[in-house]
Amino acid sequence: MNNVLVVDDNIPLAESVCEIFEDIGYTVNLAYDGIEGWEYIQHNTPDLIVSDINIPKINGYELLQRVRSYQASETTPF
């Protein structure tokens, strides 16, 4: 596991979370809303998804539902 997706619209917080993962050797991608995160997941299945619940466009619960219903990511830790 070395590819993490962080989904959060709070830019300073999201960047801090990314920095923590990068400091310990992970490759991190950042999405600022649920749709952007979902599009990333469909093209590059991450090894771990860290998501806020209150994000624009689709919230964290809906993103989780999509992740679980998509075969390539259905077992991805969220």
PDB file of N, CA and C in Angstrom:
ATOM      1  N   MET A   1       0.851  -1.175   0.000  1.00  0.00           N
ATOM      2  CA  MET A   1       0.000   0.000   0.000  1.00  0.00           C
ATOM      3  C   MET A   1       0.897   1.239   0.000  1.00  0.00           C
ATOM      4  N   ASN A   2       0.820   1.992  -1.089  1.00  0.00           N
ATOM      5  CA  ASN A   2       1.611   3.215  -1.109  1.00  0.00           C
ATOM      6  C   ASN A   2       0.903   4.363  -1.813  1.00  0.00           C
ATOM      7  N   ASN A   3      -0.320   4.157  -2.272  1.00  0.00           N
ATOM      8  CA  ASN A   3      -1.049   5.191  -2.986  1.00  0.00           C
ATOM      9  C   ASN A   3      -2.290   5.583  -2.190  1.00  0.00           C
ATOM     10  N   VAL A   4      -2.302   6.823  -1.682  1.00  0.00           N
ATOM     11  CA  VAL A   4      -3.387   7.306  -0.835  1.00  0.00           C
ATOM     12  C   VAL A   4      -4.123   8.422  -1.554  1.00  0.00           C
ATOM     13  N   LEU A   5      -5.452   8.406  -1.451  1.00  0.00           N
ATOM     14  CA  LEU A   5      -6.276   9.498  -1.949  1.00  0.00           C
ATOM     15  C   LEU A   5      -6.884  10.208  -0.752  1.00  0.00           C
ATOM     16  N   VAL A   6      -6.681  11.518  -0.673  1.00  0.00           N
ATOM     17  CA  VAL A   6      -7.280  12.357   0.363  1.00  0.00           C
ATOM     18  C   VAL A   6      -8.347  13.204  -0.312  1.00  0.00           C
ATOM     19  N   VAL A   7      -9.577  13.176   0.240  1.00  0.00           N
ATOM     20  CA  VAL A   7     -10.685  13.951  -0.313  1.00  0.00           C
ATOM     21  C   VAL A   7     -11.182  14.894   0.779  1.00  0.00           C
ATOM     22  N   ASP A   8     -10.947  16.178   0.593  1.00  0.00           N
ATOM     23  CA  ASP A   8     -11.355  17.175   1.589  1.00  0.00           C
ATOM     24  C   ASP A   8     -11.357  18.549   0.945  1.00  0.00           C
ATOM     25  N   ASP A   9     -12.368  19.351   1.240  1.00  0.00           N
ATOM     26  CA  ASP A   9     -12.451  20.695   0.677  1.00  0.00           C
ATOM     27  C   ASP A   9     -11.773  21.744   1.550  1.00  0.00           C
ATOM     28  N   ASN A  10     -11.349  21.367   2.734  1.00  0.00           N
ATOM     29  CA  ASN A  10     -10.618  22.272   3.610  1.00  0.00           C
ATOM     30  C   ASN A  10      -9.142  22.198   3.196  1.00  0.00           C
ATOM     31  N   ILE A  11      -8.723  23.140   2.383  1.00  0.00           N
ATOM     32  CA  ILE A  11      -7.398  23.070   1.755  1.00  0.00           C
ATOM     33  C   ILE A  11      -6.259  22.960   2.767  1.00  0.00           C
ATOM     34  N   PRO A  12      -6.192  23.809   3.802  1.00  0.00           N
ATOM     35  CA  PRO A  12      -5.073  23.668   4.747  1.00  0.00           C
ATOM     36  C   PRO A  12      -5.056  22.297   5.444  1.00  0.00           C
ATOM     37  N   LEU A  13      -6.219  21.802   5.834  1.00  0.00           N
ATOM     38  CA  LEU A  13      -6.284  20.500   6.488  1.00  0.00           C
ATOM     39  C   LEU A  13      -5.895  19.388   5.520  1.00  0.00           C
ATOM     40  N   ALA A  14      -6.418  19.435   4.308  1.00  0.00           N
ATOM     41  CA  ALA A  14      -6.107  18.420   3.302  1.00  0.00           C
ATOM     42  C   ALA A  14      -4.603  18.382   3.015  1.00  0.00           C
ATOM     43  N   GLU A  15      -4.015  19.544   2.866  1.00  0.00           N
ATOM     44  CA  GLU A  15      -2.577  19.600   2.590  1.00  0.00           C
ATOM     45  C   GLU A  15      -1.764  19.074   3.763  1.00  0.00           C
ATOM     46  N   SER A  16      -2.218  19.320   4.983  1.00  0.00           N
ATOM     47  CA  SER A  16      -1.523  18.790   6.163  1.00  0.00           C
ATOM     48  C   SER A  16      -1.594  17.270   6.214  1.00  0.00           C
ATOM     49  N   VAL A  17      -2.770  16.719   5.918  1.00  0.00           N
ATOM     50  CA  VAL A  17      -2.918  15.260   5.901  1.00  0.00           C
ATOM     51  C   VAL A  17      -2.025  14.665   4.821  1.00  0.00           C
ATOM     52  N   CYS A  18      -2.002  15.292   3.651  1.00  0.00           N
ATOM     53  CA  CYS A  18      -1.134  14.815   2.563  1.00  0.00           C
ATOM     54  C   CYS A  18       0.328  14.826   2.984  1.00  0.00           C
ATOM     55  N   GLU A  19       0.726  15.893   3.633  1.00  0.00           N
ATOM     56  CA  GLU A  19       2.115  16.021   4.068  1.00  0.00           C
ATOM     57  C   GLU A  19       2.496  14.923   5.050  1.00  0.00           C
ATOM     58  N   ILE A  20       1.593  14.586   5.948  1.00  0.00           N
ATOM     59  CA  ILE A  20       1.865  13.517   6.919  1.00  0.00           C
ATOM     60  C   ILE A  20       2.117  12.196   6.192  1.00  0.00           C
ATOM     61  N   PHE A  21       1.245  11.861   5.255  1.00  0.00           N
ATOM     62  CA  PHE A  21       1.428  10.616   4.502  1.00  0.00           C
ATOM     63  C   PHE A  21       2.697  10.649   3.658  1.00  0.00           C
ATOM     64  N   GLU A  22       2.971  11.775   3.026  1.00  0.00           N
ATOM     65  CA  GLU A  22       4.184  11.888   2.201  1.00  0.00           C
ATOM     66  C   GLU A  22       5.440  11.750   3.040  1.00  0.00           C
ATOM     67  N   ASP A  23       5.420  12.315   4.245  1.00  0.00           N
ATOM     68  CA  ASP A  23       6.583  12.234   5.125  1.00  0.00           C
ATOM     69  C   ASP A  23       6.940  10.801   5.509  1.00  0.00           C
ATOM     70  N   ILE A  24       5.954   9.912   5.471  1.00  0.00           N
ATOM     71  CA  ILE A  24       6.256   8.516   5.816  1.00  0.00           C
ATOM     72  C   ILE A  24       6.320   7.628   4.575  1.00  0.00           C
ATOM     73  N   GLY A  25       6.418   8.261   3.404  1.00  0.00           N
ATOM     74  CA  GLY A  25       6.739   7.525   2.194  1.00  0.00           C
ATOM     75  C   GLY A  25       5.598   7.158   1.269  1.00  0.00           C
ATOM     76  N   TYR A  26       4.407   7.686   1.499  1.00  0.00           N
ATOM     77  CA  TYR A  26       3.280   7.366   0.628  1.00  0.00           C
ATOM     78  C   TYR A  26       3.192   8.331  -0.546  1.00  0.00           C
ATOM     79  N   THR A  27       2.664   7.847  -1.650  1.00  0.00           N
ATOM     80  CA  THR A  27       2.300   8.700  -2.774  1.00  0.00           C
ATOM     81  C   THR A  27       0.881   9.158  -2.503  1.00  0.00           C
ATOM     82  N   VAL A  28       0.665  10.467  -2.516  1.00  0.00           N
ATOM     83  CA  VAL A  28      -0.634  11.012  -2.128  1.00  0.00           C
ATOM     84  C   VAL A  28      -1.223  11.835  -3.257  1.00  0.00           C
ATOM     85  N   ASN A  29      -2.514  11.631  -3.489  1.00  0.00           N
ATOM     86  CA  ASN A  29      -3.276  12.445  -4.433  1.00  0.00           C
ATOM     87  C   ASN A  29      -4.376  13.123  -3.656  1.00  0.00           C
ATOM     88  N   LEU A  30      -4.775  14.298  -4.116  1.00  0.00           N
ATOM     89  CA  LEU A  30      -5.721  15.125  -3.380  1.00  0.00           C
ATOM     90  C   LEU A  30      -6.884  15.506  -4.269  1.00  0.00           C
ATOM     91  N   ALA A  31      -8.092  15.353  -3.741  1.00  0.00           N
ATOM     92  CA  ALA A  31      -9.301  15.798  -4.425  1.00  0.00           C
ATOM     93  C   ALA A  31     -10.040  16.734  -3.474  1.00  0.00           C
ATOM     94  N   TYR A  32     -10.610  17.811  -4.014  1.00  0.00           N
ATOM     95  CA  TYR A  32     -11.261  18.819  -3.178  1.00  0.00           C
ATOM     96  C   TYR A  32     -12.775  18.678  -3.114  1.00  0.00           C
ATOM     97  N   ASP A  33     -13.346  17.698  -3.827  1.00  0.00           N
ATOM     98  CA  ASP A  33     -14.778  17.426  -3.719  1.00  0.00           C
ATOM     99  C   ASP A  33     -15.030  15.958  -4.061  1.00  0.00           C
ATOM    100  N   GLY A  34     -16.251  15.501  -3.792  1.00  0.00           N
ATOM    101  CA  GLY A  34     -16.568  14.098  -3.983  1.00  0.00           C
ATOM    102  C   GLY A  34     -16.510  13.631  -5.423  1.00  0.00           C
ATOM    103  N   ILE A  35     -16.948  14.463  -6.349  1.00  0.00           N
ATOM    104  CA  ILE A  35     -16.908  14.082  -7.763  1.00  0.00           C
ATOM    105  C   ILE A  35     -15.467  13.945  -8.237  1.00  0.00           C
ATOM    106  N   GLU A  36     -14.621  14.892  -7.863  1.00  0.00           N
ATOM    107  CA  GLU A  36     -13.208  14.815  -8.244  1.00  0.00           C
ATOM    108  C   GLU A  36     -12.575  13.539  -7.664  1.00  0.00           C
ATOM    109  N   GLY A  37     -12.914  13.220  -6.418  1.00  0.00           N
ATOM    110  CA  GLY A  37     -12.405  11.999  -5.803  1.00  0.00           C
ATOM    111  C   GLY A  37     -12.900  10.764  -6.517  1.00  0.00           C
ATOM    112  N   TRP A  38     -14.197  10.732  -6.845  1.00  0.00           N
ATOM    113  CA  TRP A  38     -14.787   9.595  -7.535  1.00  0.00           C
ATOM    114  C   TRP A  38     -14.148   9.391  -8.903  1.00  0.00           C
ATOM    115  N   GLU A  39     -13.922  10.466  -9.635  1.00  0.00           N
ATOM    116  CA  GLU A  39     -13.274  10.358 -10.947  1.00  0.00           C
ATOM    117  C   GLU A  39     -11.863   9.799 -10.815  1.00  0.00           C
ATOM    118  N   TYR A  40     -11.142  10.245  -9.797  1.00  0.00           N
ATOM    119  CA  TYR A  40      -9.794   9.713  -9.576  1.00  0.00           C
ATOM    120  C   TYR A  40      -9.858   8.206  -9.305  1.00  0.00           C
ATOM    121  N   ILE A  41     -10.783   7.794  -8.440  1.00  0.00           N
ATOM    122  CA  ILE A  41     -10.902   6.385  -8.053  1.00  0.00           C
ATOM    123  C   ILE A  41     -11.187   5.506  -9.265  1.00  0.00           C
ATOM    124  N   GLN A  42     -12.001   5.981 -10.178  1.00  0.00           N
ATOM    125  CA  GLN A  42     -12.349   5.191 -11.359  1.00  0.00           C
ATOM    126  C   GLN A  42     -11.169   4.983 -12.309  1.00  0.00           C
ATOM    127  N   HIS A  43     -10.203   5.889 -12.267  1.00  0.00           N
ATOM    128  CA  HIS A  43      -9.062   5.799 -13.180  1.00  0.00           C
ATOM    129  C   HIS A  43      -7.784   5.295 -12.512  1.00  0.00           C
ATOM    130  N   ASN A  44      -7.685   5.437 -11.209  1.00  0.00           N
ATOM    131  CA  ASN A  44      -6.471   5.069 -10.475  1.00  0.00           C
ATOM    132  C   ASN A  44      -6.865   4.543  -9.107  1.00  0.00           C
ATOM    133  N   THR A  45      -7.216   3.302  -8.996  1.00  0.00           N
ATOM    134  CA  THR A  45      -7.694   2.781  -7.714  1.00  0.00           C
ATOM    135  C   THR A  45      -6.616   2.949  -6.644  1.00  0.00           C
ATOM    136  N   PRO A  46      -6.880   3.787  -5.631  1.00  0.00           N
ATOM    137  CA  PRO A  46      -5.888   3.980  -4.570  1.00  0.00           C
ATOM    138  C   PRO A  46      -5.872   2.792  -3.610  1.00  0.00           C
ATOM    139  N   ASP A  47      -4.829   2.718  -2.803  1.00  0.00           N
ATOM    140  CA  ASP A  47      -4.714   1.667  -1.796  1.00  0.00           C
ATOM    141  C   ASP A  47      -5.443   2.046  -0.507  1.00  0.00           C
ATOM    142  N   LEU A  48      -5.672   3.341  -0.312  1.00  0.00           N
ATOM    143  CA  LEU A  48      -6.354   3.861   0.878  1.00  0.00           C
ATOM    144  C   LEU A  48      -7.055   5.158   0.494  1.00  0.00           C
ATOM    145  N   ILE A  49      -8.265   5.352   1.008  1.00  0.00           N
ATOM    146  CA  ILE A  49      -8.998   6.597   0.777  1.00  0.00           C
ATOM    147  C   ILE A  49      -9.289   7.232   2.130  1.00  0.00           C
ATOM    148  N   VAL A  50      -8.896   8.484   2.282  1.00  0.00           N
ATOM    149  CA  VAL A  50      -9.182   9.263   3.490  1.00  0.00           C
ATOM    150  C   VAL A  50     -10.086  10.401   3.049  1.00  0.00           C
ATOM    151  N   SER A  51     -11.314  10.411   3.557  1.00  0.00           N
ATOM    152  CA  SER A  51     -12.286  11.393   3.084  1.00  0.00           C
ATOM    153  C   SER A  51     -13.019  12.068   4.236  1.00  0.00           C
ATOM    154  N   ASP A  52     -13.265  13.342   4.060  1.00  0.00           N
ATOM    155  CA  ASP A  52     -14.145  14.086   4.950  1.00  0.00           C
ATOM    156  C   ASP A  52     -15.576  13.679   4.612  1.00  0.00           C
ATOM    157  N   ILE A  53     -16.489  13.880   5.523  1.00  0.00           N
ATOM    158  CA  ILE A  53     -17.898  13.597   5.248  1.00  0.00           C
ATOM    159  C   ILE A  53     -18.546  14.782   4.543  1.00  0.00           C
ATOM    160  N   ASN A  54     -18.289  15.982   5.033  1.00  0.00           N
ATOM    161  CA  ASN A  54     -18.894  17.190   4.469  1.00  0.00           C
ATOM    162  C   ASN A  54     -18.016  17.767   3.364  1.00  0.00           C
ATOM    163  N   ILE A  55     -18.190  17.213   2.166  1.00  0.00           N
ATOM    164  CA  ILE A  55     -17.469  17.698   0.998  1.00  0.00           C
ATOM    165  C   ILE A  55     -18.478  18.073  -0.077  1.00  0.00           C
ATOM    166  N   PRO A  56     -18.126  18.995  -0.972  1.00  0.00           N
ATOM    167  CA  PRO A  56     -19.067  19.437  -2.007  1.00  0.00           C
ATOM    168  C   PRO A  56     -19.363  18.366  -3.055  1.00  0.00           C
ATOM    169  N   LYS A  57     -20.434  18.590  -3.758  1.00  0.00           N
ATOM    170  CA  LYS A  57     -20.911  17.830  -4.919  1.00  0.00           C
ATOM    171  C   LYS A  57     -21.508  16.493  -4.538  1.00  0.00           C
ATOM    172  N   ILE A  58     -20.748  15.567  -3.977  1.00  0.00           N
ATOM    173  CA  ILE A  58     -21.324  14.390  -3.317  1.00  0.00           C
ATOM    174  C   ILE A  58     -20.600  14.265  -1.984  1.00  0.00           C
ATOM    175  N   ASN A  59     -21.335  13.934  -0.933  1.00  0.00           N
ATOM    176  CA  ASN A  59     -20.698  13.886   0.388  1.00  0.00           C
ATOM    177  C   ASN A  59     -19.914  12.588   0.581  1.00  0.00           C
ATOM    178  N   GLY A  60     -19.235  12.495   1.700  1.00  0.00           N
ATOM    179  CA  GLY A  60     -18.390  11.348   1.979  1.00  0.00           C
ATOM    180  C   GLY A  60     -19.147  10.031   2.047  1.00  0.00           C
ATOM    181  N   TYR A  61     -20.409  10.071   2.528  1.00  0.00           N
ATOM    182  CA  TYR A  61     -21.213   8.846   2.578  1.00  0.00           C
ATOM    183  C   TYR A  61     -21.527   8.339   1.174  1.00  0.00           C
ATOM    184  N   GLU A  62     -21.906   9.246   0.290  1.00  0.00           N
ATOM    185  CA  GLU A  62     -22.205   8.827  -1.086  1.00  0.00           C
ATOM    186  C   GLU A  62     -20.929   8.347  -1.784  1.00  0.00           C
ATOM    187  N   LEU A  63     -19.821   9.016  -1.521  1.00  0.00           N
ATOM    188  CA  LEU A  63     -18.557   8.567  -2.100  1.00  0.00           C
ATOM    189  C   LEU A  63     -18.255   7.145  -1.635  1.00  0.00           C
ATOM    190  N   LEU A  64     -18.447   6.876  -0.358  1.00  0.00           N
ATOM    191  CA  LEU A  64     -18.229   5.531   0.166  1.00  0.00           C
ATOM    192  C   LEU A  64     -19.150   4.525  -0.517  1.00  0.00           C
ATOM    193  N   GLN A  65     -20.409   4.872  -0.714  1.00  0.00           N
ATOM    194  CA  GLN A  65     -21.335   3.960  -1.402  1.00  0.00           C
ATOM    195  C   GLN A  65     -20.853   3.654  -2.815  1.00  0.00           C
ATOM    196  N   ARG A  66     -20.382   4.661  -3.507  1.00  0.00           N
ATOM    197  CA  ARG A  66     -19.876   4.442  -4.869  1.00  0.00           C
ATOM    198  C   ARG A  66     -18.635   3.557  -4.856  1.00  0.00           C
ATOM    199  N   VAL A  67     -17.746   3.815  -3.904  1.00  0.00           N
ATOM    200  CA  VAL A  67     -16.517   3.024  -3.793  1.00  0.00           C
ATOM    201  C   VAL A  67     -16.861   1.554  -3.552  1.00  0.00           C
ATOM    202  N   ARG A  68     -17.816   1.294  -2.664  1.00  0.00           N
ATOM    203  CA  ARG A  68     -18.189  -0.081  -2.335  1.00  0.00           C
ATOM    204  C   ARG A  68     -18.936  -0.775  -3.470  1.00  0.00           C
ATOM    205  N   SER A  69     -19.595  -0.029  -4.337  1.00  0.00           N
ATOM    206  CA  SER A  69     -20.332  -0.650  -5.439  1.00  0.00           C
ATOM    207  C   SER A  69     -19.493  -0.781  -6.709  1.00  0.00           C
ATOM    208  N   TYR A  70     -18.283  -0.261  -6.689  1.00  0.00           N
ATOM    209  CA  TYR A  70     -17.386  -0.303  -7.847  1.00  0.00           C
ATOM    210  C   TYR A  70     -16.393  -1.448  -7.623  1.00  0.00           C
ATOM    211  N   GLN A  71     -16.416  -2.429  -8.499  1.00  0.00           N
ATOM    212  CA  GLN A  71     -15.647  -3.651  -8.293  1.00  0.00           C
ATOM    213  C   GLN A  71     -14.157  -3.400  -8.035  1.00  0.00           C
ATOM    214  N   ALA A  72     -13.565  -2.473  -8.735  1.00  0.00           N
ATOM    215  CA  ALA A  72     -12.119  -2.239  -8.588  1.00  0.00           C
ATOM    216  C   ALA A  72     -11.748  -1.678  -7.220  1.00  0.00           C
ATOM    217  N   SER A  73     -12.708  -1.062  -6.511  1.00  0.00           N
ATOM    218  CA  SER A  73     -12.383  -0.437  -5.232  1.00  0.00           C
ATOM    219  C   SER A  73     -13.226  -0.954  -4.067  1.00  0.00           C
ATOM    220  N   GLU A  74     -14.029  -1.977  -4.285  1.00  0.00           N
ATOM    221  CA  GLU A  74     -14.979  -2.398  -3.258  1.00  0.00           C
ATOM    222  C   GLU A  74     -14.333  -2.828  -1.943  1.00  0.00           C
ATOM    223  N   THR A  75     -13.078  -3.228  -1.961  1.00  0.00           N
ATOM    224  CA  THR A  75     -12.402  -3.630  -0.719  1.00  0.00           C
ATOM    225  C   THR A  75     -11.331  -2.623  -0.274  1.00  0.00           C
ATOM    226  N   THR A  76     -11.273  -1.493  -0.939  1.00  0.00           N
ATOM    227  CA  THR A  76     -10.279  -0.473  -0.580  1.00  0.00           C
ATOM    228  C   THR A  76     -10.589   0.101   0.803  1.00  0.00           C
ATOM    229  N   PRO A  77      -9.621   0.133   1.709  1.00  0.00           N
ATOM    230  CA  PRO A  77      -9.862   0.763   3.009  1.00  0.00           C
ATOM    231  C   PRO A  77     -10.278   2.218   2.833  1.00  0.00           C
ATOM    232  N   PHE A  78     -11.305   2.596   3.572  1.00  0.00           N
ATOM    233  CA  PHE A  78     -11.883   3.944   3.431  1.00  0.00           C
ATOM    234  C   PHE A  78     -11.994   4.553   4.797  1.00  0.00           C
TER     235      PHE A  78
END
